[in-house]
Amino acid sequence: MRRLILTVTLTAVAILGLGSIATAQQGPEFKLGFKALADQIPDVVGVPTENEYFNLSNGNSEQHATKGLMV
């Protein structure tokens, strides 16, 4: 009987534990042209604070960094 209770308890812990595993999200990064530019002048650009996005209002590809805005 103890073995059955232990098995049921361990199974429940395993199932509940696996369902709550959190995965870390990858941080923002420069890609393609912004990466090429940031690699050449890293002190001017800084570190990306968000991923690149397309600005529908002006048609630009933009990405904020710690020292400004890449356009």
Foldseek 3Di string as FASTA:
>chain_A
DVVVVVVVVVVVCVVVVVVPDDDDDDAEDDDDPRNVVCVVPVVQQAAWRHHWDADPVPRDTWTHHPNGIDD
